[in-house]
Each structure stands twice: as structure tokens, then as C-alpha cells.
Protein backbone atom coordinates (compact mmCIF):
# COMPACT_ATOMS: atom_id res chain seq x y z
CA MET A 1 57.69 -7.67 3.88
CA GLN A 2 57.83 -4.15 2.37
CA ASN A 3 59.20 -5.53 -0.90
CA HIS A 4 56.29 -8.00 -1.07
CA GLU A 5 53.76 -5.22 -0.50
CA LYS A 6 55.40 -3.16 -3.28
CA LYS A 7 55.13 -6.08 -5.62
CA GLN A 8 51.47 -6.26 -4.83
CA LYS A 9 50.91 -2.71 -5.15
CA SER A 10 52.91 -2.65 -8.66
CA ARG A 11 50.70 -5.35 -10.24
CA PRO A 12 48.85 -4.04 -13.31
CA ARG A 13 45.11 -3.78 -12.89
CA LYS A 14 44.39 -5.77 -16.10
CA GLY A 15 46.10 -8.85 -14.61
CA GLN A 16 44.48 -8.33 -11.25
CA LYS A 17 41.01 -8.29 -12.80
CA GLN A 18 41.63 -11.43 -14.76
CA ARG A 19 42.85 -13.25 -11.65
CA ASN A 20 39.90 -12.02 -9.66
CA LEU A 21 37.43 -13.24 -12.30
CA GLY A 22 39.09 -16.65 -12.16
CA ASP A 23 38.63 -16.77 -8.32
CA LYS A 24 35.12 -15.53 -8.51
CA SER A 25 33.87 -18.54 -10.36
CA ASN A 26 35.03 -20.85 -7.53
CA PHE A 27 32.91 -19.22 -4.84
CA ASP A 28 29.18 -18.51 -4.52
CA SER A 29 28.02 -14.95 -4.62
CA VAL A 30 27.42 -14.50 -0.91
CA ASN A 31 30.80 -15.66 0.11
CA PHE A 32 32.28 -13.48 -2.65
CA LYS A 33 30.73 -10.39 -1.46
CA SER A 34 31.21 -11.04 2.21
CA ASN A 35 34.90 -11.95 1.85
CA GLN A 36 35.46 -8.75 -0.22
CA ALA A 37 33.74 -6.63 2.43
CA ALA A 38 35.77 -8.39 5.28
CA CYS A 39 39.14 -8.09 3.48
CA GLU A 40 38.60 -4.41 2.65
CA TYR A 41 37.69 -3.75 6.24
CA GLU A 42 40.90 -5.33 7.77
CA GLN A 43 43.41 -4.44 5.14
CA THR A 44 46.06 -2.00 6.22
CA THR A 45 48.77 -1.70 3.55
CA THR A 46 48.00 -4.59 0.96
CA LYS A 47 45.88 -4.53 -1.97
CA LYS A 48 42.19 -5.01 -2.15
CA VAL A 49 41.34 -8.88 -2.24
CA LYS A 50 38.51 -10.97 -3.51
CA ASN A 51 38.29 -14.08 -1.29
CA GLU A 52 40.26 -15.95 1.36
CA ILE A 53 42.58 -17.80 -1.23
CA THR A 54 44.12 -14.33 -2.43
CA ILE A 55 45.06 -13.40 1.24
CA SER A 56 48.89 -13.88 1.44
CA PRO A 57 50.48 -15.84 4.28
CA ILE A 58 52.43 -12.68 5.29
CA MET A 59 49.21 -10.73 5.72
CA VAL A 60 47.63 -13.41 7.94
CA GLN A 61 50.72 -13.46 10.04
CA GLU A 62 50.59 -9.68 10.45
CA ILE A 63 46.95 -9.89 11.31
CA PRO A 64 46.35 -12.93 13.40
CA PHE A 65 42.59 -12.28 13.76
CA THR A 66 41.81 -11.85 10.02
CA GLN A 67 40.50 -15.30 9.32
CA GLN A 68 38.27 -15.17 12.39
CA ARG A 69 37.07 -11.80 11.58
CA ILE A 70 36.32 -13.05 7.91
CA GLN A 71 34.19 -15.72 9.28
CA GLN A 72 32.21 -13.47 11.53
CA LEU A 73 31.62 -11.02 8.72
CA ASN A 74 30.71 -13.71 6.20
CA SER A 75 27.85 -14.84 8.91
CA LYS A 76 26.90 -11.27 9.42
CA VAL A 77 26.65 -10.51 5.79
CA GLN A 78 24.53 -13.69 5.11
CA GLU A 79 22.10 -12.61 7.97
CA ASN A 80 21.79 -9.14 6.38
CA LEU A 81 21.24 -10.57 2.86
CA ILE A 82 18.38 -12.81 4.46
CA CYS A 83 16.84 -9.88 6.17
CA GLU A 84 16.86 -7.86 2.87
CA GLU A 85 15.24 -10.62 0.99
CA PHE A 86 12.58 -10.78 3.64
CA VAL A 87 11.90 -6.96 3.38
CA LYS A 88 11.80 -7.27 -0.42
CA ASP A 89 9.28 -10.12 -0.23
CA LEU A 90 7.28 -8.13 2.15
CA SER A 91 7.35 -4.90 0.36
CA SER A 92 6.34 -6.55 -3.03
CA PHE A 93 3.52 -8.33 -1.28
CA THR A 94 0.35 -8.22 -3.38
CA PHE A 95 -2.71 -8.96 -1.33
CA ASN A 96 -4.41 -11.36 -3.62
CA ASN A 97 -1.48 -13.47 -4.71
CA CYS A 98 -0.25 -15.18 -1.54
CA GLN A 99 0.50 -18.72 -2.35
CA GLU A 100 2.93 -19.93 0.25
CA ASN A 101 2.67 -23.37 1.63
CA ASN A 102 2.47 -22.51 5.27
CA GLN A 103 -0.72 -20.18 5.20
CA GLU A 104 -0.95 -19.94 8.98
CA GLU A 105 2.45 -18.59 9.44
CA GLU A 106 2.11 -16.25 6.51
CA GLN A 107 -1.14 -14.90 7.80
CA GLU A 108 0.33 -14.22 11.22
CA THR A 109 3.26 -12.59 9.66
CA LEU A 110 0.94 -10.38 7.66
CA ASN A 111 -1.23 -9.68 10.73
CA GLU A 112 1.85 -8.58 12.74
CA PHE A 113 2.94 -6.40 9.89
CA MET A 114 -0.36 -4.57 9.69
CA ARG A 115 -0.48 -4.13 13.33
CA GLU A 116 2.90 -2.28 13.01
CA GLN A 117 1.38 -0.16 10.39
CA VAL A 118 -1.55 0.87 12.52
CA LYS A 119 1.08 1.82 15.22
CA PHE A 120 3.18 3.60 12.60
CA GLU A 121 0.15 5.77 11.80
CA GLU A 122 0.68 7.83 14.99
CA ILE A 123 3.50 9.64 13.14
CA TYR A 124 1.15 10.91 10.43
CA SER A 125 -2.05 11.48 12.40
CA TYR A 126 -3.65 14.76 12.08
CA GLN A 127 -6.90 16.41 12.82
CA LYS A 128 -9.38 16.77 9.98
CA ASN A 129 -10.65 20.21 10.91
CA TYR A 130 -7.98 21.93 8.84
CA LEU A 131 -10.34 24.56 7.41
CA ASN A 132 -10.61 26.19 10.95
CA ASN A 133 -7.20 27.74 10.09
CA GLN A 134 -8.38 29.07 6.78
CA LYS A 135 -10.29 32.28 5.99
CA GLU A 136 -10.55 32.31 2.16
CA ILE A 137 -10.77 28.49 1.46
CA GLN A 138 -14.19 26.84 1.90
CA SER A 139 -15.32 23.23 2.07
CA HIS A 140 -16.67 23.14 -1.43
CA MET A 141 -13.44 24.47 -2.73
CA VAL A 142 -11.64 21.50 -1.17
CA ALA A 143 -14.09 19.11 -2.95
CA ILE A 144 -13.47 20.94 -6.25
CA LEU A 145 -9.55 20.78 -5.83
CA PHE A 146 -9.67 17.05 -5.02
CA ASP A 147 -11.78 16.22 -7.80
CA TRP A 148 -9.53 17.90 -10.12
CA LEU A 149 -6.62 16.10 -8.82
CA LEU A 150 -8.59 12.90 -9.27
CA GLU A 151 -9.01 13.91 -13.01
CA VAL A 152 -5.23 14.75 -13.23
CA ALA A 153 -4.24 11.22 -11.82
CA HIS A 154 -6.79 9.66 -14.23
CA SER A 155 -5.35 11.53 -17.25
CA PHE A 156 -1.76 10.83 -16.35
CA ASN A 157 -2.46 7.06 -15.69
CA PHE A 158 -1.36 7.37 -11.98
CA LYS A 159 -2.22 4.88 -9.31
CA ARG A 160 -4.82 5.54 -6.71
CA GLU A 161 -2.05 5.77 -4.06
CA THR A 162 -0.68 8.73 -5.78
CA PHE A 163 -3.91 10.83 -5.54
CA TYR A 164 -4.40 9.78 -1.92
CA LEU A 165 -0.88 10.94 -1.17
CA SER A 166 -1.54 14.29 -2.60
CA ARG A 167 -4.67 14.62 -0.61
CA ASN A 168 -2.76 13.85 2.51
CA TYR A 169 -0.24 16.49 1.69
CA VAL A 170 -2.76 19.10 0.91
CA GLU A 171 -4.75 18.53 4.23
CA ARG A 172 -1.64 18.30 6.44
CA PHE A 173 -0.47 21.56 4.80
CA LEU A 174 -3.63 23.41 5.27
CA LEU A 175 -3.58 22.33 9.06
CA ARG A 176 -0.14 23.77 9.51
CA GLN A 177 -0.24 26.91 7.53
CA GLN A 178 -2.87 29.41 8.42
CA ASN A 179 -4.74 31.42 5.96
CA VAL A 180 -3.40 30.07 2.64
CA LEU A 181 -4.51 32.50 -0.17
CA ILE A 182 -7.29 31.16 -2.51
CA SER A 183 -5.07 32.36 -5.37
CA LYS A 184 -2.47 29.71 -4.38
CA PHE A 185 -4.86 26.94 -3.60
CA GLN A 186 -4.66 25.21 -6.90
CA LEU A 187 -0.84 25.72 -6.99
CA LEU A 188 -0.81 23.76 -3.73
CA GLY A 189 -2.69 20.90 -5.35
CA VAL A 190 -0.39 20.80 -8.30
CA ALA A 191 2.78 20.73 -6.20
CA ALA A 192 1.30 18.15 -3.92
CA ILE A 193 0.43 15.63 -6.72
CA PHE A 194 3.86 16.54 -8.39
CA ILE A 195 5.56 15.33 -5.08
CA ALA A 196 3.15 12.28 -4.54
CA HIS A 197 3.83 11.03 -8.13
CA LYS A 198 7.54 11.12 -7.47
CA CYS A 199 7.10 8.97 -4.46
CA GLU A 200 4.79 6.45 -5.94
CA GLU A 201 5.07 6.30 -9.75
CA ILE A 202 7.57 4.16 -11.59
CA TYR A 203 7.59 6.44 -14.63
CA PRO A 204 7.58 9.95 -13.40
CA LYS A 205 6.50 12.93 -15.41
CA THR A 206 8.59 16.09 -15.95
CA LEU A 207 7.58 19.24 -14.19
CA ARG A 208 6.71 20.79 -17.58
CA ASP A 209 3.86 18.12 -17.97
CA PHE A 210 2.38 19.52 -14.65
CA HIS A 211 3.00 23.06 -15.70
CA LYS A 212 0.85 22.60 -18.84
CA LEU A 213 -2.04 22.00 -16.48
CA ILE A 214 -1.83 25.42 -15.07
CA GLN A 215 0.47 27.33 -17.35
CA ASP A 216 -1.76 30.51 -17.71
CA GLN A 217 -1.87 30.95 -13.76
CA TYR A 218 1.59 29.79 -12.31
CA SER A 219 5.14 29.63 -13.51
CA ILE A 220 7.47 26.62 -13.10
CA GLN A 221 9.44 28.61 -10.44
CA GLU A 222 6.22 29.07 -8.50
CA ILE A 223 5.56 25.28 -8.50
CA GLU A 224 9.07 24.50 -7.25
CA GLU A 225 8.76 27.11 -4.62
CA MET A 226 5.38 25.57 -3.42
CA GLU A 227 7.00 22.12 -3.43
CA VAL A 228 9.76 23.33 -1.15
CA SER A 229 7.12 24.91 1.17
CA ILE A 230 5.19 21.71 1.37
CA LEU A 231 8.33 19.51 2.22
CA LYS A 232 9.39 21.94 4.87
CA SER A 233 5.97 22.31 6.37
CA LEU A 234 5.41 18.41 6.49
CA ASP A 235 8.95 18.05 7.94
CA PHE A 236 9.84 15.86 4.83
CA ARG A 237 7.34 13.11 6.18
CA MET A 238 5.95 12.08 2.86
CA ASN A 239 5.12 8.39 3.15
CA PRO A 240 2.04 7.78 5.18
CA ASN A 241 -0.42 4.84 4.84
CA THR A 242 -3.35 6.24 2.77
CA PRO A 243 -6.97 5.34 3.06
CA ILE A 244 -6.72 3.32 -0.11
CA PHE A 245 -4.06 1.21 1.40
CA TRP A 246 -6.50 0.14 4.23
CA LEU A 247 -9.46 -0.22 1.85
CA ASN A 248 -7.26 -2.74 -0.23
CA TYR A 249 -6.23 -4.50 2.94
CA TYR A 250 -9.93 -4.81 4.11
CA THR A 251 -11.13 -6.10 0.67
CA LYS A 252 -8.43 -8.63 0.74
CA LEU A 253 -9.42 -9.84 4.37
CA TRP A 254 -13.07 -10.11 3.09
CA ASP A 255 -12.30 -12.16 0.13
CA GLU A 256 -10.28 -14.68 2.20
CA PHE A 257 -13.04 -14.74 4.90
CA ILE A 258 -15.81 -15.61 2.36
CA ILE A 259 -14.12 -17.58 -0.13
CA ASN A 260 -15.42 -20.97 1.46
CA LYS A 261 -18.72 -19.59 2.63
CA GLU A 262 -22.15 -18.78 1.19
CA PRO A 263 -23.16 -16.55 -0.18
CA LYS A 264 -19.74 -15.96 -2.04
CA VAL A 265 -19.48 -12.48 -2.88
CA LEU A 266 -15.82 -11.48 -3.84
CA LEU A 267 -14.40 -8.01 -4.46
CA LYS A 268 -11.13 -8.80 -6.11
CA GLU A 269 -11.82 -11.94 -8.15
CA ARG A 270 -10.86 -11.67 -11.78
CA THR A 271 -14.51 -11.58 -12.88
CA ASN A 272 -16.68 -8.87 -14.38
CA GLN A 273 -19.10 -9.04 -11.34
CA SER A 274 -16.22 -8.58 -8.98
CA TYR A 275 -14.67 -5.78 -10.90
CA TYR A 276 -17.83 -3.82 -10.95
CA ARG A 277 -18.32 -4.46 -7.19
CA TYR A 278 -14.74 -3.17 -6.64
CA ARG A 279 -15.11 -0.14 -8.96
CA GLU A 280 -18.22 0.95 -7.33
CA LEU A 281 -16.60 0.58 -3.95
CA VAL A 282 -13.71 2.77 -4.83
CA GLN A 283 -15.92 5.45 -6.42
CA LEU A 284 -18.00 5.73 -3.28
CA PHE A 285 -14.76 5.81 -1.21
CA ASP A 286 -13.34 8.62 -3.37
CA ILE A 287 -16.47 10.78 -3.04
CA CYS A 288 -16.87 10.27 0.68
CA LEU A 289 -13.20 11.36 1.28
CA ILE A 290 -13.24 14.40 -0.94
CA ASP A 291 -16.45 15.71 0.63
CA TYR A 292 -15.02 17.74 3.67
CA ARG A 293 -18.28 17.49 5.36
CA PHE A 294 -17.75 13.72 5.84
CA LYS A 295 -14.77 13.67 8.42
CA GLU A 296 -15.45 10.21 9.98
CA ASN A 297 -12.55 7.82 10.45
CA GLU A 298 -11.37 6.54 7.15
CA LYS A 299 -11.05 2.87 8.21
CA ILE A 300 -14.64 2.76 9.40
CA THR A 301 -15.69 4.42 6.36
CA ALA A 302 -13.93 1.77 4.11
CA LEU A 303 -15.53 -1.05 6.20
CA SER A 304 -18.82 0.51 6.04
CA LEU A 305 -18.88 0.94 2.21
CA ILE A 306 -17.73 -2.77 1.98
CA TYR A 307 -20.72 -3.82 3.99
CA LEU A 308 -23.12 -1.73 1.87
CA VAL A 309 -21.70 -2.70 -1.52
CA ILE A 310 -21.84 -6.40 -0.65
CA ALA A 311 -25.34 -5.94 0.68
CA LYS A 312 -26.36 -4.22 -2.53
CA SER A 313 -24.79 -7.08 -4.57
CA LEU A 314 -26.92 -9.58 -2.53
CA GLN A 315 -29.96 -7.37 -3.33
CA ILE A 316 -30.62 -6.85 0.43
CA PHE A 317 -31.33 -3.25 -0.26
CA GLN A 318 -33.40 -2.81 -3.35
CA ASP A 319 -33.53 0.96 -3.81
CA TYR A 320 -30.66 2.95 -2.31
CA ARG A 321 -32.16 6.35 -3.39
CA THR A 322 -35.15 5.72 -1.10
CA MET A 323 -33.04 4.35 1.72
CA ALA A 324 -30.83 7.48 1.51
CA ASN A 325 -33.71 9.51 2.52
CA SER A 326 -34.82 7.11 5.23
CA GLN A 327 -31.91 6.13 7.13
CA THR A 328 -33.81 4.78 9.96
CA LYS A 329 -34.58 1.77 7.86
CA ILE A 330 -30.85 1.28 7.31
CA LYS A 331 -30.18 1.62 11.08
CA SER A 332 -33.04 -0.86 11.93
CA PHE A 333 -31.69 -3.40 9.55
CA PHE A 334 -28.01 -3.12 10.75
CA GLU A 335 -29.14 -3.66 14.30
CA SER A 336 -31.20 -6.73 13.33
CA ASN A 337 -30.20 -10.43 13.65
CA HIS A 338 -30.24 -10.83 9.76
CA GLU A 339 -28.01 -13.60 8.36
CA TYR A 340 -25.88 -11.18 6.37
CA ASN A 341 -25.24 -9.14 9.71
CA GLN A 342 -24.14 -12.30 11.39
CA ILE A 343 -21.66 -13.11 8.70
CA PHE A 344 -20.30 -9.42 8.64
CA ARG A 345 -20.18 -9.35 12.34
CA GLN A 346 -18.09 -12.63 12.39
CA PHE A 347 -15.69 -11.02 9.67
CA ILE A 348 -15.09 -8.15 11.81
CA GLU A 349 -14.54 -10.19 14.96
CA ILE A 350 -12.01 -12.79 13.57
CA SER A 351 -10.13 -10.31 11.05
CA ASP A 352 -7.19 -8.36 12.38
CA ILE A 353 -8.66 -5.04 12.05
CA TYR A 354 -7.51 -2.21 14.32
CA LEU A 355 -9.01 1.31 14.57
CA HIS A 356 -5.83 2.45 16.78
CA PHE A 357 -2.92 0.11 17.50
CA ASP A 358 -4.39 -0.46 21.01
CA ARG A 359 -8.16 -0.83 20.00
CA ARG A 360 -9.86 -3.05 17.68
CA ILE A 361 -12.74 -2.03 15.46
CA GLN A 362 -16.05 -3.64 16.57
CA TYR A 363 -19.19 -4.26 14.51
CA GLU A 364 -21.08 -1.50 16.26
CA ASP A 365 -18.80 1.01 15.38
CA LEU A 366 -20.04 0.92 11.81
CA ARG A 367 -23.61 1.69 12.45
CA ASP A 368 -23.62 5.60 12.02
CA VAL A 369 -21.28 5.66 9.24
CA VAL A 370 -23.29 2.97 7.46
CA CYS A 371 -26.25 5.19 7.66
CA GLU A 372 -24.50 8.30 6.53
CA THR A 373 -22.64 6.70 3.58
CA THR A 374 -25.93 5.27 2.15
CA GLN A 375 -26.68 8.84 0.74
CA TYR A 376 -23.72 8.56 -1.66
CA PHE A 377 -25.20 5.69 -3.58
CA ILE A 378 -27.10 8.18 -5.63
CA LEU A 379 -23.82 8.58 -7.44
CA ARG A 380 -24.08 7.59 -11.16
CA PHE A 381 -21.36 4.83 -11.32
CA ASP A 382 -18.86 4.71 -14.09
CA ASN A 383 -17.50 1.23 -14.88
CA THR A 384 -15.32 2.03 -17.94
CA LEU A 385 -11.77 0.87 -17.91
CA PRO A 386 -8.97 3.29 -16.93
CA ARG A 387 -7.63 5.00 -19.98
CA ILE A 388 -4.33 3.27 -20.06
CA LEU A 389 -6.22 0.05 -20.28
CA LEU A 390 -8.63 0.91 -22.99
CA ASN A 391 -8.17 -1.22 -26.30
CA ASN A 392 -5.00 -2.78 -24.79
CA GLN A 393 -6.09 -6.48 -23.94
CA ASP A 394 -2.41 -7.67 -24.20
CA PHE A 395 -1.42 -5.25 -21.49
CA ILE A 396 -4.42 -6.31 -19.22
CA ASP A 397 -3.40 -9.94 -19.65
CA GLU A 398 0.24 -9.15 -18.41
CA LEU A 399 -0.85 -7.30 -15.42
CA GLN A 400 -1.58 -8.98 -12.02
CA HIS A 401 -5.22 -8.48 -11.15
CA GLU A 402 -4.07 -6.31 -8.08
CA GLU A 403 -2.07 -3.99 -10.30
CA LEU A 404 -5.12 -3.75 -12.91
CA LEU A 405 -7.29 -2.52 -10.11
CA SER A 406 -4.75 0.02 -8.86
CA PHE A 407 -5.13 2.57 -11.54
CA GLN A 408 -6.90 5.75 -10.57
CA THR A 409 -10.27 6.35 -12.36
CA TYR A 410 -12.44 9.42 -12.62
CA ASN A 411 -16.15 9.97 -12.28
CA LYS A 412 -17.53 13.14 -13.87
CA SER A 413 -20.49 12.93 -11.54
CA THR A 414 -18.69 13.35 -8.22
CA ILE A 415 -19.01 17.15 -7.84
CA GLU A 416 -22.57 17.13 -9.09
CA THR A 417 -23.50 14.50 -6.44
CA ILE A 418 -21.76 16.42 -3.58
CA ASN A 419 -23.57 19.61 -4.55
CA PHE A 420 -26.90 17.82 -4.63
CA LEU A 421 -26.40 16.40 -1.26
CA LEU A 422 -25.28 19.86 0.15
CA LYS A 423 -28.43 21.49 -1.18
CA GLN A 424 -30.58 18.76 0.39
CA GLN A 425 -28.95 19.35 3.86
CA GLN A 426 -29.54 23.09 3.47
């Protein structure tokens, strides 16, 4: 037996590779990988083997349970591969491209997944009164910083998810770290979006690209130090579900709900009208969430804006500027038995929409937020394409529609609108 083992060990690597390539062609990839894993696990003194044929009779006699163990590991590896493929399919899921045969099972799987995401949010939940811990930083400074981060994300061709991740990092950091100096506030924003883009973007930028934005104020070393401070302060929990994640989910649910009904008003159909509705929706969502004074639940905000944007598209409200100053009219309409309200109420009731994992959102929950968000319709909307898509029709044609809508855009009128509304309240 020892001689036999020495012969196996002394065989040249080149011959071994050729023999293994021949064996590999006779087996499918799953068996090939699983047998290799099983044999490496059980081997004691013999060489690495590729499949069952290469296991010598002497080795089988020495380890009587080898074949049984191989079969068990084969089955286990196949199950793991199936699970991995399922996770890949789920993670690459695009809301507007589901075309499986069994739609009911697919929808239930998605609903269960989204309920788990709501439950998952408990890990990242935080209070929005983070400015109570700060002396130098004021609410209008928060709006200015977030507006600047929107512009940075737009100029770097980042996805919306990247901006909303950076917003999450800044707010959670301010909640945990008291009395952040105003001189370090922009540094905090740069470090936050630098971390966020590494988490989200496929083609990351270099640290020098970000340093160019603030090279007259901070050094590269200061950005790195702030990055470490953010990671430590947030306990390295950097992957929350962002508000734009829920907005996209709700728009997907609405399109599926209304597709066979009248009036058919879609938000993610590949048409100009649908594109303009979606762009208006996300610009309103951006301005609501960067305005610190507006601290309502983000899910209810998303649904309320969907309600208002679709109502505007149906010309239910003719003049939003007038309605913004008379919110009692909006409130009375919302509580009426209008056909549109009946449709939207049905949408809320039958859709899988949770405020918390143990509480569903009700139609009545939207009333106050619908009234408050109407004021933001004075914003001058910008429907130009994201910079990366300008004069690039070939690139647009290659993109899935969901991906085309995912690029962050920037509206120069955001801060102007927030300041105007602030003066009106004063």
C-alpha cells in the first residue's frame, strides 16, 4: 500500500492534468465539482482526485464509507447549487421584467421576500431627530449638503440607490455622533457617498476623483479618516433598504394593479408619458426627503406622491399651486367617494404593503402626508435625460427600462423651492 501511494505521489503534474481533463469530459459539471469536494474531504494520504473513477480500489478498501460519503456530498452540493441559483435569480430580479409562467407562485414568492425586507429594516431603523444632537448644524445646512450630494451623484453617473445610501449614512452618523463640527460637515458627505458608491456602483471611482470635489478644503487622508469614523460609528452596517427601493417596489405594484383597468396610467411603461410621470415622481421624492422639516415615514411619503402624481396625470387637480395653499380642498377630496379614491383604496388593500412587519398600511394613513406633500408641486420639473444617456441612443436601446430609470438626476430648483416654502411657513 505504501508503494502504491508513493507511485501516486510521484506522478508528474502534467500527466495528471491531462488525465483529469479526459475524465472531466465524461461527467457533468455538478458531479465533477461535488466529487472533487468529497474526495478532498475524505482523502488521507493519497493524491487529489477528480471523480469516482479515479479512486483506487485500495483507497475504497481503506475507507469503507467513502462511496457513501461521496453520494451524500453530491446530493448536498447539488442542493447548495440550487439554493445559490435561487438567490442569484432573486437578487437580479427587476421589478418590471417578470415573465415566468406561474405568475401566482412568483408573486407570492416576491410578497414573502418583501415582507422579510420589512422585517429586516428593524436592524437599520433610526430616529429622524438627529439634529437634536447637533449644535452647529442646522436643518437648512442638511438640505444644502444633500442637494450637493445629488449633484455629485448626477455628475458621476451614479444610481439613485447610491445617493440614498449616502443620505442614510449621514443621518445615522449625526444621530450617533454629537456635536459634529460644521467645518467637517461636507467632509462627512464626501466620505459617505464615497462609501456608498463602493457598495452600489459596478465601476467605482478613485478616491482622487472625490478629492477633486473638495481639494481646497480637505486632504485625501482626512477623507480616509472620516470613512473609518463612519464605518466604526455605524458598526459596519452599510446595506439598508433605502427609500428609493420602496418607491420602485410600490410603482411596480401599481403598474401590475392598473394594467388591466381603466384609467390605465402607468409609471414604468416604456413611453414618454410614463417616463415623465416617473421623473416627476422621483424629483418630488428627492425634495421631500432632503428637506429635514419633512420627517414623515418614507413609505407613506412614497405612496402619497404616487397618489398625487397619478391624480395630476388624470387632471383631477388642475392647479397644484393653488391647492398647495388650500390643503383643505385636498383633504376633502381625499376623503370623498370619488372613483379615483376607490381605485387607489383598492390598490392599497390588495397590495402587499407593510409599514412595519406586523402592520399593513391603510388608505387613511396617507391623508395628512398627501396634504403636506402637495406643497412641493411648485417645483419646476426637469425631464432632461441623465448625462450618461444624452446623445447615446444605442446605450439607451441596450438598457432594460428599469436600469434606464435608475440613474440619479439633479434638479437645480430643489434648494430654491425648499427656501421658498420655508419663508412661507415663517
